[in-house]
């Protein structure tokens, strides 16, 4: 899960694995797997970096195979 900010300043948490794609048009728009769209104040780069960090955190929690 990653924390993001709506344009009105409200913070919320989204499952990074549920993001289908991210666009800057010019506001950063997330399109979710279910088709919902969310506009956030973070840049596309920030959302990508937080998603990568989230994935790295998950891999640390997995026991070695």
N, C-alpha and C. Protein backbone atom coordinates (compact mmCIF):
# COMPACT_ATOMS: atom_id res chain seq x y z
N UNK A 1 0.84 -1.18 0.00
CA UNK A 1 0.00 0.00 0.00
C UNK A 1 0.89 1.25 0.00
N UNK A 2 0.47 2.25 -0.76
CA UNK A 2 1.21 3.51 -0.79
C UNK A 2 0.26 4.66 -0.43
N UNK A 3 0.81 5.67 0.21
CA UNK A 3 0.03 6.84 0.60
C UNK A 3 0.18 7.92 -0.47
N UNK A 4 -0.95 8.46 -0.91
CA UNK A 4 -0.96 9.51 -1.92
C UNK A 4 -1.87 10.64 -1.45
N UNK A 5 -1.91 11.73 -2.22
CA UNK A 5 -2.68 12.91 -1.85
C UNK A 5 -3.59 13.33 -3.00
N UNK A 6 -4.88 13.50 -2.69
CA UNK A 6 -5.81 14.03 -3.68
C UNK A 6 -5.52 15.51 -3.88
N UNK A 7 -6.04 16.09 -4.95
CA UNK A 7 -5.79 17.50 -5.24
C UNK A 7 -6.31 18.44 -4.15
N UNK A 8 -7.33 17.99 -3.40
CA UNK A 8 -7.87 18.82 -2.32
C UNK A 8 -7.06 18.71 -1.03
N UNK A 9 -5.98 17.92 -1.05
CA UNK A 9 -5.10 17.78 0.11
C UNK A 9 -5.39 16.57 0.98
N UNK A 10 -6.49 15.86 0.73
CA UNK A 10 -6.81 14.66 1.50
C UNK A 10 -5.84 13.54 1.15
N UNK A 11 -5.30 12.91 2.18
CA UNK A 11 -4.39 11.78 1.97
C UNK A 11 -5.19 10.49 1.97
N UNK A 12 -4.74 9.51 1.20
CA UNK A 12 -5.40 8.21 1.15
C UNK A 12 -4.36 7.15 0.82
N UNK A 13 -4.74 5.91 0.99
CA UNK A 13 -3.85 4.78 0.73
C UNK A 13 -4.43 3.96 -0.40
N UNK A 14 -3.57 3.54 -1.31
CA UNK A 14 -4.01 2.72 -2.45
C UNK A 14 -3.08 1.52 -2.57
N UNK A 15 -3.64 0.41 -3.01
CA UNK A 15 -2.85 -0.79 -3.27
C UNK A 15 -2.06 -0.56 -4.55
N UNK A 16 -0.75 -0.49 -4.44
CA UNK A 16 0.09 -0.22 -5.61
C UNK A 16 -0.06 -1.29 -6.67
N UNK A 17 -0.40 -2.49 -6.28
CA UNK A 17 -0.56 -3.58 -7.25
C UNK A 17 -1.85 -3.45 -8.05
N UNK A 18 -2.76 -2.58 -7.62
CA UNK A 18 -4.02 -2.39 -8.33
C UNK A 18 -3.96 -1.25 -9.34
N UNK A 19 -2.78 -0.61 -9.47
CA UNK A 19 -2.63 0.46 -10.46
C UNK A 19 -2.34 -0.17 -11.82
N UNK A 20 -3.20 0.14 -12.78
CA UNK A 20 -3.00 -0.38 -14.13
C UNK A 20 -2.00 0.48 -14.89
N UNK A 21 -2.22 1.80 -14.88
CA UNK A 21 -1.23 2.71 -15.47
C UNK A 21 -1.37 4.11 -14.89
N UNK A 22 -0.33 4.92 -15.14
CA UNK A 22 -0.23 6.27 -14.60
C UNK A 22 0.03 7.22 -15.77
N UNK A 23 -0.69 8.34 -15.77
CA UNK A 23 -0.50 9.34 -16.82
C UNK A 23 -0.33 10.72 -16.18
N UNK A 24 0.39 11.60 -16.87
CA UNK A 24 0.44 13.01 -16.48
C UNK A 24 -0.26 13.78 -17.59
N UNK A 25 -1.40 14.40 -17.26
CA UNK A 25 -2.22 15.05 -18.29
C UNK A 25 -2.82 16.35 -17.86
N UNK A 26 -2.32 17.38 -17.37
CA UNK A 26 -1.04 17.49 -16.71
C UNK A 26 -1.05 16.95 -15.29
N UNK A 27 -2.25 16.84 -14.66
CA UNK A 27 -2.28 16.24 -13.32
C UNK A 27 -2.02 14.75 -13.42
N UNK A 28 -1.42 14.18 -12.39
CA UNK A 28 -1.13 12.76 -12.39
C UNK A 28 -2.41 11.98 -12.16
N UNK A 29 -2.74 11.12 -13.11
CA UNK A 29 -3.97 10.34 -13.08
C UNK A 29 -3.63 8.86 -13.02
N UNK A 30 -4.16 8.18 -12.00
CA UNK A 30 -3.98 6.74 -11.88
C UNK A 30 -5.22 6.06 -12.43
N UNK A 31 -5.03 5.07 -13.27
CA UNK A 31 -6.13 4.23 -13.72
C UNK A 31 -5.94 2.89 -13.03
N UNK A 32 -6.96 2.50 -12.29
CA UNK A 32 -6.88 1.28 -11.50
C UNK A 32 -7.32 0.08 -12.34
N UNK A 33 -7.00 -1.12 -11.87
CA UNK A 33 -7.33 -2.35 -12.57
C UNK A 33 -8.83 -2.42 -12.86
N UNK A 34 -9.66 -1.97 -11.94
CA UNK A 34 -11.11 -2.00 -12.12
C UNK A 34 -11.65 -0.90 -13.01
N UNK A 35 -10.79 0.02 -13.49
CA UNK A 35 -11.22 1.08 -14.39
C UNK A 35 -11.41 2.42 -13.71
N UNK A 36 -11.44 2.46 -12.37
CA UNK A 36 -11.57 3.73 -11.66
C UNK A 36 -10.36 4.61 -11.93
N UNK A 37 -10.59 5.93 -11.95
CA UNK A 37 -9.49 6.86 -12.13
C UNK A 37 -9.38 7.75 -10.90
N UNK A 38 -8.14 8.03 -10.50
CA UNK A 38 -7.88 8.86 -9.34
C UNK A 38 -6.82 9.89 -9.73
N UNK A 39 -7.08 11.16 -9.43
CA UNK A 39 -6.12 12.22 -9.71
C UNK A 39 -5.41 12.56 -8.41
N UNK A 40 -4.08 12.60 -8.46
CA UNK A 40 -3.28 12.85 -7.26
C UNK A 40 -2.33 14.02 -7.49
N UNK A 41 -1.85 14.60 -6.38
CA UNK A 41 -0.95 15.75 -6.49
C UNK A 41 0.51 15.32 -6.69
N UNK A 42 0.85 14.08 -6.39
CA UNK A 42 2.22 13.59 -6.60
C UNK A 42 2.51 13.50 -8.10
N UNK A 43 3.79 13.60 -8.44
CA UNK A 43 4.18 13.43 -9.84
C UNK A 43 4.15 11.95 -10.21
N UNK A 44 4.15 11.68 -11.50
CA UNK A 44 4.19 10.30 -11.96
C UNK A 44 5.44 9.60 -11.40
N UNK A 45 6.54 10.29 -11.42
CA UNK A 45 7.80 9.72 -10.92
C UNK A 45 7.67 9.33 -9.45
N UNK A 46 7.05 10.19 -8.62
CA UNK A 46 6.88 9.90 -7.20
C UNK A 46 6.01 8.66 -6.99
N UNK A 47 4.94 8.54 -7.76
CA UNK A 47 4.06 7.37 -7.63
C UNK A 47 4.82 6.10 -8.02
N UNK A 48 5.58 6.17 -9.09
CA UNK A 48 6.36 5.01 -9.53
C UNK A 48 7.39 4.63 -8.46
N UNK A 49 8.09 5.61 -7.91
CA UNK A 49 9.10 5.33 -6.88
C UNK A 49 8.46 4.70 -5.64
N UNK A 50 7.31 5.21 -5.22
CA UNK A 50 6.64 4.64 -4.05
C UNK A 50 6.17 3.21 -4.34
N UNK A 51 5.72 2.97 -5.57
CA UNK A 51 5.28 1.62 -5.94
C UNK A 51 6.45 0.65 -5.94
N UNK A 52 7.60 1.09 -6.44
CA UNK A 52 8.80 0.25 -6.45
C UNK A 52 9.24 -0.03 -5.02
N UNK A 53 9.25 0.98 -4.17
CA UNK A 53 9.63 0.79 -2.76
C UNK A 53 8.68 -0.20 -2.08
N UNK A 54 7.39 -0.10 -2.39
CA UNK A 54 6.40 -1.03 -1.84
C UNK A 54 6.72 -2.47 -2.27
N UNK A 55 7.03 -2.66 -3.54
CA UNK A 55 7.38 -3.99 -4.03
C UNK A 55 8.64 -4.53 -3.37
N UNK A 56 9.63 -3.68 -3.17
CA UNK A 56 10.86 -4.10 -2.49
C UNK A 56 10.56 -4.50 -1.05
N UNK A 57 9.70 -3.74 -0.40
CA UNK A 57 9.32 -4.06 0.99
C UNK A 57 8.65 -5.43 1.04
N UNK A 58 7.77 -5.72 0.09
CA UNK A 58 7.09 -7.02 0.07
C UNK A 58 8.08 -8.16 -0.13
N UNK A 59 9.04 -7.96 -1.01
CA UNK A 59 10.02 -9.04 -1.27
C UNK A 59 10.89 -9.31 -0.04
N UNK A 60 11.13 -8.29 0.78
CA UNK A 60 11.91 -8.50 2.01
C UNK A 60 11.14 -9.37 3.00
N UNK A 61 9.80 -9.29 2.95
CA UNK A 61 8.99 -10.05 3.90
C UNK A 61 8.82 -11.52 3.50
N UNK A 62 9.12 -11.84 2.23
CA UNK A 62 8.95 -13.21 1.75
C UNK A 62 10.12 -14.08 2.21
N UNK A 63 9.81 -15.28 2.71
CA UNK A 63 10.91 -16.18 3.11
C UNK A 63 11.66 -16.67 1.87
N UNK A 64 12.95 -16.95 2.01
CA UNK A 64 13.72 -17.45 0.86
C UNK A 64 13.16 -18.79 0.38
N UNK A 65 13.23 -19.01 -0.92
CA UNK A 65 12.70 -20.26 -1.46
C UNK A 65 13.74 -21.35 -1.56
